[in-house]
């Protein structure tokens, strides 16, 4: 070996040693600036960086992702607003040699919920950690969406609601089958807030399932006779409604009044009434049929506070400014649907709702 080659190797090893021996505090600062995909790569560089990554105080930046419609055989595709890039993550449990028979039907707490219409089964998948949980068989009957009400190391609860039948089904950790819970009307959302269960029905009525029970009616909803059977098909003007919780712990009702306009109500903890508002402070709302949540938008690149992020009728990602009541284009999304690349088996089982869902990646 020449002296020049030896010198190059020596310099190379010094540089590697210097990187590996960066001060712990400096590495911690770097970690907090990284999104989760970059964090996963970062901790694999060397043992010293991996050790710092495992410390409780060193958390990567968590960003809201939008899951795009695609053939899962090519990997699940997500659009990250802060970085304005697409992420592709392969999920082995959703692909077989016959193709992908799974469709996403919900998301919460860093987990995706997949349903197989051909097998009548549901699974929870964390695409970051690759963890997977198989739920009891639920049957092949189409439903509106699935909601992960809570998730912890000791327990989880999943609810499934149907778009044309009253009530919902629920399964918990260790359940061998799904339990059915009846309701007065067809439900459009189920949400858990401060250990209490809340629902919204097709008429926009919010109800808390507690003792004593309490309900808040939507002033815009038609007056109905509770003794007469009603179905969604009789109410084509039924609006999108959902419940979200802010990082500050407030319960918010979100209503889509038109294609490009939203309204919000916050539950007053003292009067126990929903008060209309156009100010959610430094938070942003991310809404879709399958998943909605409130997220701290301040200090996140390319995120705007006091805005609602949604998909318009042209597959555009848009932001509705609550203060000014205006819509702004964020990104024109390129999807498999737009390019006519949707797989045939997905076309047969495609849900009637928009094929997008919001997701917050989690390492847990």
Protein backbone atom coordinates (compact mmCIF):
# COMPACT_ATOMS: atom_id res chain seq x y z
CA UNK A 1 0.00 0.00 0.00
CA UNK A 2 1.35 3.42 -0.96
CA UNK A 3 1.92 6.18 1.56
CA UNK A 4 -0.78 8.23 -0.19
CA UNK A 5 -3.37 5.47 0.24
CA UNK A 6 -2.39 5.03 3.89
CA UNK A 7 -2.83 8.76 4.47
CA UNK A 8 -6.27 8.73 2.85
CA UNK A 9 -7.37 5.83 5.07
CA UNK A 10 -6.02 7.61 8.10
CA UNK A 11 -7.90 10.82 7.26
CA UNK A 12 -11.03 8.80 6.56
CA UNK A 13 -10.90 7.08 9.95
CA UNK A 14 -10.32 10.41 11.72
CA UNK A 15 -13.39 11.91 10.05
CA UNK A 16 -15.51 8.90 11.04
CA UNK A 17 -14.21 9.06 14.57
CA UNK A 18 -15.01 12.76 14.79
CA UNK A 19 -18.59 12.20 13.62
CA UNK A 20 -19.08 9.31 16.01
CA UNK A 21 -17.76 11.35 18.93
CA UNK A 22 -19.95 14.41 18.48
CA UNK A 23 -21.09 15.85 21.78
CA UNK A 24 -24.27 14.24 23.07
CA UNK A 25 -26.04 17.59 23.43
CA UNK A 26 -25.27 18.46 19.80
CA UNK A 27 -26.53 15.09 18.55
CA UNK A 28 -29.70 15.61 20.60
CA UNK A 29 -30.31 18.98 18.92
CA UNK A 30 -29.88 17.37 15.50
CA UNK A 31 -32.37 14.61 16.37
CA UNK A 32 -35.10 17.10 17.31
CA UNK A 33 -34.82 18.67 13.85
CA UNK A 34 -35.23 15.35 12.00
CA UNK A 35 -38.47 13.91 10.71
CA UNK A 36 -39.09 10.27 11.65
CA UNK A 37 -37.84 8.72 8.34
CA UNK A 38 -34.52 10.61 8.65
CA UNK A 39 -34.36 9.75 12.36
CA UNK A 40 -34.59 6.03 11.56
CA UNK A 41 -31.65 6.38 9.15
CA UNK A 42 -29.73 8.60 11.57
CA UNK A 43 -29.79 6.14 14.45
CA UNK A 44 -28.45 3.37 12.17
CA UNK A 45 -25.25 5.29 11.37
CA UNK A 46 -23.26 4.22 14.45
CA UNK A 47 -23.68 2.83 17.96
CA UNK A 48 -22.99 6.15 19.67
CA UNK A 49 -25.73 7.93 17.72
CA UNK A 50 -28.09 5.01 18.31
CA UNK A 51 -27.44 5.26 22.04
CA UNK A 52 -28.31 8.97 22.07
CA UNK A 53 -31.46 8.29 20.03
CA UNK A 54 -32.71 5.88 22.72
CA UNK A 55 -32.63 8.57 25.40
CA UNK A 56 -36.14 9.67 26.39
CA UNK A 57 -35.48 13.38 25.90
CA UNK A 58 -34.34 12.97 22.29
CA UNK A 59 -37.47 12.77 20.17
CA UNK A 60 -37.57 13.34 16.40
CA UNK A 61 -39.96 15.84 14.85
CA UNK A 62 -43.44 14.44 14.20
CA UNK A 63 -45.15 15.67 11.04
CA UNK A 64 -48.65 15.13 9.65
CA UNK A 65 -48.67 12.86 6.61
CA UNK A 66 -51.37 12.35 4.02
CA UNK A 67 -51.73 8.77 2.82
CA UNK A 68 -52.27 8.75 -0.93
CA UNK A 69 -54.38 6.21 -2.85
CA UNK A 70 -52.09 3.66 -4.46
CA UNK A 71 -51.53 -0.03 -5.05
CA UNK A 72 -50.02 -1.33 -1.80
CA UNK A 73 -47.89 -3.79 -3.75
CA UNK A 74 -45.77 -0.78 -4.67
CA UNK A 75 -45.70 0.38 -1.06
CA UNK A 76 -47.86 2.81 0.91
CA UNK A 77 -47.29 6.39 -0.24
CA UNK A 78 -47.48 9.40 2.06
CA UNK A 79 -47.17 13.11 1.38
CA UNK A 80 -45.42 15.14 4.09
CA UNK A 81 -46.56 18.76 4.15
CA UNK A 82 -43.60 20.22 6.11
CA UNK A 83 -41.05 18.65 3.75
CA UNK A 84 -43.31 18.67 0.67
CA UNK A 85 -42.06 15.25 -0.41
CA UNK A 86 -43.57 11.79 -0.87
CA UNK A 87 -42.52 8.93 1.39
CA UNK A 88 -42.93 5.31 0.28
CA UNK A 89 -43.06 2.60 2.94
CA UNK A 90 -43.48 -1.08 2.15
CA UNK A 91 -45.96 -2.91 4.39
CA UNK A 92 -45.39 -6.68 3.95
CA UNK A 93 -48.62 -7.70 5.75
CA UNK A 94 -50.75 -5.95 3.11
CA UNK A 95 -49.26 -7.69 0.06
CA UNK A 96 -49.51 -11.28 -1.22
CA UNK A 97 -48.46 -13.09 -4.37
CA UNK A 98 -52.04 -12.52 -5.61
CA UNK A 99 -51.83 -8.77 -5.04
CA UNK A 100 -52.96 -6.53 -2.21
CA UNK A 101 -56.41 -7.38 -0.86
CA UNK A 102 -56.28 -4.68 1.82
CA UNK A 103 -57.67 -1.15 1.82
CA UNK A 104 -57.01 1.53 4.45
CA UNK A 105 -60.13 2.41 6.45
CA UNK A 106 -58.78 4.45 9.36
CA UNK A 107 -55.79 5.87 11.19
CA UNK A 108 -54.97 7.10 14.70
CA UNK A 109 -52.22 7.05 17.34
CA UNK A 110 -49.58 6.28 14.69
CA UNK A 111 -51.40 3.16 13.43
CA UNK A 112 -53.15 2.42 10.14
CA UNK A 113 -56.28 0.26 10.00
CA UNK A 114 -56.59 -2.05 7.00
CA UNK A 115 -59.63 -4.05 5.91
CA UNK A 116 -59.71 -7.03 3.56
CA UNK A 117 -63.15 -7.16 1.85
CA UNK A 118 -62.40 -10.59 0.42
CA UNK A 119 -61.38 -12.16 3.74
CA UNK A 120 -63.52 -10.07 6.08
CA UNK A 121 -60.59 -9.32 8.37
CA UNK A 122 -59.06 -6.18 9.89
CA UNK A 123 -55.50 -5.51 10.98
CA UNK A 124 -53.67 -2.66 12.71
CA UNK A 125 -50.29 -1.78 11.24
CA UNK A 126 -47.61 0.63 12.39
CA UNK A 127 -45.72 1.31 9.13
CA UNK A 128 -42.74 2.82 10.98
CA UNK A 129 -42.07 0.07 13.54
CA UNK A 130 -43.57 -2.70 11.33
CA UNK A 131 -45.71 -3.85 14.27
CA UNK A 132 -48.94 -5.59 13.28
CA UNK A 133 -52.07 -6.63 15.22
CA UNK A 134 -54.69 -8.94 13.78
CA UNK A 135 -58.28 -8.27 14.89
CA UNK A 136 -61.17 -10.77 15.05
CA UNK A 137 -62.96 -11.53 11.75
CA UNK A 138 -65.70 -8.97 11.07
CA UNK A 139 -67.26 -10.26 7.83
CA UNK A 140 -67.22 -8.98 4.26
CA UNK A 141 -70.07 -6.47 4.64
CA UNK A 142 -68.90 -2.99 3.64
CA UNK A 143 -68.68 -0.40 6.41
CA UNK A 144 -68.08 3.35 6.50
CA UNK A 145 -64.84 3.54 8.51
CA UNK A 146 -62.90 2.17 11.47
CA UNK A 147 -61.71 4.24 14.42
CA UNK A 148 -58.86 3.42 16.80
CA UNK A 149 -60.35 4.97 19.95
CA UNK A 150 -57.31 4.41 22.18
CA UNK A 151 -53.95 2.65 22.09
CA UNK A 152 -51.56 1.76 24.90
CA UNK A 153 -49.16 -1.04 25.74
CA UNK A 154 -51.85 -2.78 27.79
CA UNK A 155 -54.97 -2.20 25.71
CA UNK A 156 -56.55 -0.80 22.54
CA UNK A 157 -60.11 -0.27 21.32
CA UNK A 158 -61.33 -0.25 17.71
CA UNK A 159 -64.82 0.81 16.63
CA UNK A 160 -66.43 0.24 13.21
CA UNK A 161 -69.42 2.23 11.97
CA UNK A 162 -71.68 1.49 9.01
CA UNK A 163 -72.92 4.12 6.59
CA UNK A 164 -76.44 2.70 6.25
CA UNK A 165 -77.20 1.01 9.59
CA UNK A 166 -77.52 2.24 13.15
CA UNK A 167 -75.03 1.31 15.87
CA UNK A 168 -71.40 0.31 15.74
CA UNK A 169 -69.16 -2.68 16.44
CA UNK A 170 -66.27 -2.65 18.88
CA UNK A 171 -63.28 -4.91 19.64
CA UNK A 172 -60.56 -4.62 22.27
CA UNK A 173 -57.24 -6.27 22.94
CA UNK A 174 -57.88 -9.95 23.52
CA UNK A 175 -61.38 -9.92 21.98
CA UNK A 176 -62.35 -13.09 20.16
CA UNK A 177 -65.25 -11.41 18.36
CA UNK A 178 -66.83 -8.02 17.77
CA UNK A 179 -69.51 -6.65 20.12
CA UNK A 180 -72.44 -4.64 18.76
CA UNK A 181 -73.62 -1.39 20.35
CA UNK A 182 -76.97 0.04 19.22
CA UNK A 183 -77.67 3.74 18.63
CA UNK A 184 -80.73 5.91 17.95
CA UNK A 185 -79.58 6.91 14.47
CA UNK A 186 -76.89 6.10 11.91
CA UNK A 187 -73.52 7.33 13.12
CA UNK A 188 -70.84 9.22 11.18
CA UNK A 189 -68.17 9.42 13.89
CA UNK A 190 -67.18 7.88 17.22
CA UNK A 191 -64.61 9.59 19.41
CA UNK A 192 -63.11 9.15 22.87
CA UNK A 193 -62.48 12.33 24.88
CA UNK A 194 -61.42 12.42 28.54
CA UNK A 195 -62.35 8.73 28.92
CA UNK A 196 -65.89 9.35 27.69
CA UNK A 197 -67.37 8.20 24.39
CA UNK A 198 -68.89 10.77 22.02
CA UNK A 199 -70.74 10.15 18.76
CA UNK A 200 -72.14 12.21 15.88
CA UNK A 201 -75.14 10.93 13.94
CA UNK A 202 -76.25 11.71 10.37
CA UNK A 203 -78.24 14.71 11.61
CA UNK A 204 -75.18 16.32 13.19
CA UNK A 205 -76.24 15.60 16.77
CA UNK A 206 -73.33 15.12 19.17
CA UNK A 207 -74.02 12.77 22.07
CA UNK A 208 -71.92 11.75 25.06
CA UNK A 209 -72.45 8.17 26.21
CA UNK A 210 -72.33 8.78 29.94
CA UNK A 211 -74.59 9.08 32.96
CA UNK A 212 -76.52 11.26 32.69
CA UNK A 213 -76.53 11.19 28.87
CA UNK A 214 -76.33 14.51 27.05
CA UNK A 215 -76.85 15.56 23.43
CA UNK A 216 -76.16 18.68 21.36
CA UNK A 217 -78.26 19.08 18.22
CA UNK A 218 -77.09 20.63 14.96
CA UNK A 219 -79.19 23.73 14.34
CA UNK A 220 -78.97 23.22 10.57
CA UNK A 221 -80.19 19.61 10.64
CA UNK A 222 -83.76 18.71 9.57
CA UNK A 223 -86.25 17.93 12.33
CA UNK A 224 -86.92 14.19 12.35
CA UNK A 225 -89.35 11.86 14.05
CA UNK A 226 -87.27 9.48 16.22
CA UNK A 227 -89.90 6.75 15.76
CA UNK A 228 -89.54 6.73 11.97
CA UNK A 229 -86.70 4.89 10.23
CA UNK A 230 -84.43 7.23 8.27
CA UNK A 231 -81.63 6.48 5.89
CA UNK A 232 -78.74 8.48 4.48
CA UNK A 233 -80.15 8.27 0.94
CA UNK A 234 -83.07 10.48 2.03
CA UNK A 235 -80.68 13.27 3.02
CA UNK A 236 -78.30 14.06 0.14
CA UNK A 237 -77.33 17.34 1.86
CA UNK A 238 -75.92 15.56 4.90
CA UNK A 239 -72.67 17.31 5.81
CA UNK A 240 -69.30 15.93 6.84
CA UNK A 241 -68.98 16.03 10.64
CA UNK A 242 -66.22 14.83 12.92
CA UNK A 243 -64.81 15.30 16.42
CA UNK A 244 -61.18 16.08 17.26
CA UNK A 245 -59.27 16.92 20.42
CA UNK A 246 -56.76 19.76 20.54
CA UNK A 247 -53.35 19.29 22.17
CA UNK A 248 -54.73 21.61 24.89
CA UNK A 249 -57.44 19.03 25.67
CA UNK A 250 -60.48 20.79 24.13
CA UNK A 251 -63.15 18.88 22.21
CA UNK A 252 -63.87 20.39 18.78
CA UNK A 253 -66.68 19.60 16.39
CA UNK A 254 -65.78 20.14 12.71
CA UNK A 255 -68.44 20.58 10.06
CA UNK A 256 -67.88 20.89 6.33
CA UNK A 257 -70.55 23.37 5.27
CA UNK A 258 -69.68 23.27 1.57
CA UNK A 259 -66.93 22.00 -0.71
CA UNK A 260 -64.52 24.72 0.43
CA UNK A 261 -65.95 26.00 3.72
CA UNK A 262 -65.82 24.73 7.30
CA UNK A 263 -67.23 25.70 10.68
CA UNK A 264 -65.98 24.82 14.18
CA UNK A 265 -67.51 24.54 17.64
CA UNK A 266 -65.56 24.05 20.89
CA UNK A 267 -67.09 22.38 23.94
CA UNK A 268 -67.11 24.84 26.84
CA UNK A 269 -66.01 22.94 29.95
CA UNK A 270 -68.03 25.14 32.30
CA UNK A 271 -71.32 25.57 30.46
CA UNK A 272 -71.07 22.21 28.66
CA UNK A 273 -72.24 23.84 25.44
CA UNK A 274 -70.62 23.93 22.01
CA UNK A 275 -69.54 27.48 21.17
CA UNK A 276 -68.81 28.48 17.58
CA UNK A 277 -65.28 29.73 16.95
CA UNK A 278 -62.92 30.85 14.18
CA UNK A 279 -59.79 30.70 16.32
CA UNK A 280 -57.90 27.55 17.28
CA UNK A 281 -54.72 29.43 18.12
CA UNK A 282 -51.42 27.89 17.05
CA UNK A 283 -52.99 24.61 15.98
CA UNK A 284 -53.96 23.21 12.59
CA UNK A 285 -56.76 20.79 11.77
CA UNK A 286 -56.34 17.90 9.33
CA UNK A 287 -59.64 16.37 8.23
CA UNK A 288 -60.73 13.52 5.99
CA UNK A 289 -63.47 10.92 6.08
CA UNK A 290 -61.24 8.19 7.52
CA UNK A 291 -59.17 10.20 9.99
CA UNK A 292 -59.04 13.70 11.45
CA UNK A 293 -56.89 15.30 14.13
CA UNK A 294 -55.63 18.58 15.57
CA UNK A 295 -51.90 19.27 15.40
CA UNK A 296 -49.53 21.97 16.78
CA UNK A 297 -48.61 23.84 13.60
CA UNK A 298 -46.34 26.52 15.04
CA UNK A 299 -42.61 26.09 14.32
CA UNK A 300 -43.33 23.42 11.69
CA UNK A 301 -42.01 24.29 8.22
CA UNK A 302 -44.73 24.94 5.64
CA UNK A 303 -47.57 24.53 8.17
CA UNK A 304 -49.97 27.39 8.90
CA UNK A 305 -51.73 27.96 12.21
CA UNK A 306 -55.51 28.38 12.51
CA UNK A 307 -56.10 26.51 9.24
CA UNK A 308 -57.99 23.37 8.23
CA UNK A 309 -56.15 21.10 5.79
CA UNK A 310 -58.43 19.07 3.52
CA UNK A 311 -58.79 17.53 0.04
CA UNK A 312 -61.03 19.38 -2.41
CA UNK A 313 -63.10 17.87 -5.20
CA UNK A 314 -60.12 17.91 -7.59
CA UNK A 315 -57.70 15.90 -5.42
CA UNK A 316 -55.93 19.08 -4.36
CA UNK A 317 -54.55 19.48 -0.87
CA UNK A 318 -55.91 22.79 0.39
CA UNK A 319 -55.94 24.91 3.54
CA UNK A 320 -59.04 26.74 4.78
CA UNK A 321 -58.12 29.87 6.75
CA UNK A 322 -60.55 30.07 9.68
CA UNK A 323 -59.98 33.77 10.36
CA UNK A 324 -60.55 34.96 6.79
CA UNK A 325 -62.81 32.16 5.56
CA UNK A 326 -60.67 31.60 2.46
CA UNK A 327 -59.25 28.57 0.68
CA UNK A 328 -55.62 28.26 -0.40
CA UNK A 329 -54.00 25.63 -2.61
CA UNK A 330 -51.21 23.77 -0.78
CA UNK A 331 -50.33 21.03 -3.26
CA UNK A 332 -51.77 19.47 -6.41
CA UNK A 333 -51.53 15.81 -5.52
CA UNK A 334 -50.31 13.18 -7.97
CA UNK A 335 -52.05 9.92 -7.20
CA UNK A 336 -52.49 6.53 -8.80
CA UNK A 337 -56.15 7.43 -9.35
CA UNK A 338 -55.24 10.52 -11.31
CA UNK A 339 -52.99 8.49 -13.60
CA UNK A 340 -55.51 5.65 -13.99
CA UNK A 341 -53.10 3.28 -12.29
CA UNK A 342 -55.46 1.97 -9.65
CA UNK A 343 -55.34 -1.78 -9.33
CA UNK A 344 -58.46 -3.67 -10.54
CA UNK A 345 -59.10 -5.35 -7.17
CA UNK A 346 -59.04 -1.93 -5.45
CA UNK A 347 -61.55 -0.60 -7.97
CA UNK A 348 -64.06 -3.29 -7.06
CA UNK A 349 -63.81 -2.62 -3.34
CA UNK A 350 -63.04 1.08 -3.33
CA UNK A 351 -64.96 2.83 -0.51
CA UNK A 352 -67.50 5.45 -1.50
CA UNK A 353 -65.68 8.15 0.46
CA UNK A 354 -62.55 10.06 -0.53
CA UNK A 355 -59.58 7.65 -0.70
CA UNK A 356 -57.24 9.84 1.39
CA UNK A 357 -56.50 9.67 5.09
CA UNK A 358 -54.32 11.61 7.52
CA UNK A 359 -51.63 9.88 9.52
CA UNK A 360 -49.10 10.85 12.19
CA UNK A 361 -46.08 8.49 12.18
CA UNK A 362 -45.02 7.01 15.49
CA UNK A 363 -42.09 4.86 16.62
CA UNK A 364 -44.16 3.19 19.35
